Amino acid sequence: MTPLYLRVHDSPEAHDYDRQIATLRQAGAPEDWMARAFPRQAVQHHDQRHQAGHPR
């Protein structure tokens, strides 16, 4: 299997990571990598919205 390398960077827009987090989770990104790639609050916010039935 060939590894896939992704680079996540800060954009000038608002810190709205929901779409990126959802896409990477669907692609099977490891949780430990997600914890290093995104601010903890962004992942927690995404998870809370998803659990409450309010996906973006």
N, C-alpha and C. Protein backbone atom coordinates (compact mmCIF):
# COMPACT_ATOMS: atom_id res chain seq x y z
N MET A 1 0.85 -1.17 0.00
CA MET A 1 0.00 0.00 0.00
C MET A 1 0.89 1.24 0.00
N THR A 2 0.57 2.20 -0.83
CA THR A 2 1.33 3.45 -0.92
C THR A 2 0.80 4.45 0.10
N PRO A 3 1.69 5.04 0.91
CA PRO A 3 1.20 6.02 1.89
C PRO A 3 0.74 7.30 1.19
N LEU A 4 -0.21 7.93 1.80
CA LEU A 4 -0.73 9.21 1.32
C LEU A 4 -0.32 10.28 2.31
N TYR A 5 0.34 11.32 1.85
CA TYR A 5 0.78 12.40 2.72
C TYR A 5 -0.11 13.62 2.49
N LEU A 6 -0.64 14.15 3.57
CA LEU A 6 -1.50 15.32 3.50
C LEU A 6 -0.86 16.44 4.31
N ARG A 7 -1.04 17.64 3.83
CA ARG A 7 -0.56 18.81 4.57
C ARG A 7 -1.76 19.70 4.84
N VAL A 8 -1.99 20.00 6.09
CA VAL A 8 -3.08 20.88 6.50
C VAL A 8 -2.44 22.19 6.90
N HIS A 9 -2.97 23.29 6.40
CA HIS A 9 -2.40 24.58 6.75
C HIS A 9 -3.51 25.55 7.14
N ASP A 10 -3.11 26.55 7.84
CA ASP A 10 -4.03 27.59 8.29
C ASP A 10 -4.37 28.48 7.10
N SER A 11 -5.62 28.81 6.96
CA SER A 11 -6.03 29.67 5.85
C SER A 11 -6.44 31.04 6.39
N PRO A 12 -6.49 32.04 5.52
CA PRO A 12 -6.90 33.37 5.98
C PRO A 12 -8.37 33.43 6.37
N GLU A 13 -9.17 32.45 5.92
CA GLU A 13 -10.57 32.43 6.31
C GLU A 13 -10.69 32.05 7.79
N ALA A 14 -11.90 32.01 8.25
CA ALA A 14 -12.15 31.64 9.66
C ALA A 14 -11.63 30.23 9.92
N HIS A 15 -11.39 29.92 11.16
CA HIS A 15 -10.90 28.61 11.55
C HIS A 15 -12.06 27.62 11.59
N ASP A 16 -12.58 27.31 10.43
CA ASP A 16 -13.71 26.39 10.33
C ASP A 16 -13.20 25.08 9.74
N TYR A 17 -12.89 24.15 10.62
CA TYR A 17 -12.26 22.90 10.21
C TYR A 17 -13.27 21.77 10.00
N ASP A 18 -14.56 22.01 10.21
CA ASP A 18 -15.54 20.93 10.17
C ASP A 18 -15.48 20.12 8.89
N ARG A 19 -15.44 20.77 7.76
CA ARG A 19 -15.43 20.05 6.48
C ARG A 19 -14.16 19.21 6.33
N GLN A 20 -13.01 19.79 6.68
CA GLN A 20 -11.76 19.05 6.56
C GLN A 20 -11.74 17.84 7.49
N ILE A 21 -12.21 18.04 8.72
CA ILE A 21 -12.23 16.94 9.69
C ILE A 21 -13.15 15.83 9.20
N ALA A 22 -14.33 16.18 8.72
CA ALA A 22 -15.26 15.17 8.22
C ALA A 22 -14.67 14.39 7.05
N THR A 23 -14.05 15.10 6.11
CA THR A 23 -13.45 14.44 4.95
C THR A 23 -12.32 13.50 5.36
N LEU A 24 -11.45 13.97 6.24
CA LEU A 24 -10.34 13.13 6.67
C LEU A 24 -10.81 11.93 7.47
N ARG A 25 -11.84 12.09 8.28
CA ARG A 25 -12.38 10.94 9.02
C ARG A 25 -12.95 9.91 8.05
N GLN A 26 -13.67 10.38 7.03
CA GLN A 26 -14.23 9.47 6.02
C GLN A 26 -13.12 8.73 5.28
N ALA A 27 -11.98 9.39 5.11
CA ALA A 27 -10.85 8.77 4.42
C ALA A 27 -10.07 7.83 5.33
N GLY A 28 -10.43 7.79 6.61
CA GLY A 28 -9.78 6.89 7.55
C GLY A 28 -8.53 7.43 8.21
N ALA A 29 -8.44 8.75 8.33
CA ALA A 29 -7.27 9.35 8.99
C ALA A 29 -7.18 8.85 10.43
N PRO A 30 -6.00 8.46 10.87
CA PRO A 30 -5.83 7.98 12.24
C PRO A 30 -6.09 9.10 13.26
N GLU A 31 -6.69 8.72 14.37
CA GLU A 31 -7.04 9.69 15.42
C GLU A 31 -5.80 10.40 15.97
N ASP A 32 -4.70 9.68 16.12
CA ASP A 32 -3.50 10.33 16.66
C ASP A 32 -2.98 11.39 15.70
N TRP A 33 -3.10 11.16 14.40
CA TRP A 33 -2.70 12.16 13.42
C TRP A 33 -3.65 13.36 13.46
N MET A 34 -4.95 13.09 13.58
CA MET A 34 -5.94 14.17 13.66
C MET A 34 -5.64 15.06 14.86
N ALA A 35 -5.24 14.45 15.97
CA ALA A 35 -4.93 15.22 17.18
C ALA A 35 -3.72 16.13 16.97
N ARG A 36 -2.78 15.71 16.13
CA ARG A 36 -1.60 16.54 15.85
C ARG A 36 -1.88 17.59 14.78
N ALA A 37 -2.78 17.28 13.85
CA ALA A 37 -3.01 18.16 12.69
C ALA A 37 -3.98 19.30 12.97
N PHE A 38 -4.89 19.11 13.91
CA PHE A 38 -5.93 20.11 14.17
C PHE A 38 -5.93 20.52 15.63
N PRO A 39 -6.35 21.75 15.90
CA PRO A 39 -6.52 22.15 17.31
C PRO A 39 -7.55 21.26 17.99
N ARG A 40 -7.28 20.91 19.23
CA ARG A 40 -8.17 20.00 19.96
C ARG A 40 -9.61 20.52 19.98
N GLN A 41 -9.78 21.83 20.14
CA GLN A 41 -11.13 22.40 20.19
C GLN A 41 -11.87 22.18 18.87
N ALA A 42 -11.16 22.22 17.75
CA ALA A 42 -11.80 22.03 16.45
C ALA A 42 -12.35 20.62 16.32
N VAL A 43 -11.58 19.63 16.75
CA VAL A 43 -12.02 18.25 16.68
C VAL A 43 -13.19 18.02 17.64
N GLN A 44 -13.09 18.55 18.85
CA GLN A 44 -14.18 18.41 19.83
C GLN A 44 -15.45 19.06 19.31
N HIS A 45 -15.34 20.25 18.74
CA HIS A 45 -16.50 20.95 18.20
C HIS A 45 -17.14 20.14 17.08
N HIS A 46 -16.33 19.60 16.19
CA HIS A 46 -16.84 18.77 15.10
C HIS A 46 -17.59 17.56 15.67
N ASP A 47 -16.97 16.87 16.63
CA ASP A 47 -17.59 15.68 17.21
C ASP A 47 -18.91 16.02 17.90
N GLN A 48 -18.96 17.13 18.63
CA GLN A 48 -20.19 17.53 19.33
C GLN A 48 -21.30 17.84 18.34
N ARG A 49 -20.96 18.56 17.26
CA ARG A 49 -21.97 18.89 16.23
C ARG A 49 -22.48 17.61 15.57
N HIS A 50 -21.58 16.69 15.28
CA HIS A 50 -21.96 15.44 14.60
C HIS A 50 -22.86 14.61 15.53
N GLN A 51 -22.51 14.50 16.80
CA GLN A 51 -23.29 13.72 17.75
C GLN A 51 -24.67 14.34 17.99
N ALA A 52 -24.75 15.66 17.91
CA ALA A 52 -26.02 16.35 18.15
C ALA A 52 -26.91 16.33 16.90
N GLY A 53 -26.38 15.79 15.80
CA GLY A 53 -27.17 15.73 14.58
C GLY A 53 -27.17 17.02 13.81
N HIS A 54 -26.12 17.83 13.99
CA HIS A 54 -26.01 19.11 13.29
C HIS A 54 -24.77 19.12 12.40
N PRO A 55 -24.67 18.17 11.48
CA PRO A 55 -23.49 18.23 10.61
C PRO A 55 -23.52 19.47 9.76
N ARG A 56 -22.40 19.94 9.40
CA ARG A 56 -22.27 21.17 8.64
C ARG A 56 -23.02 21.03 7.38
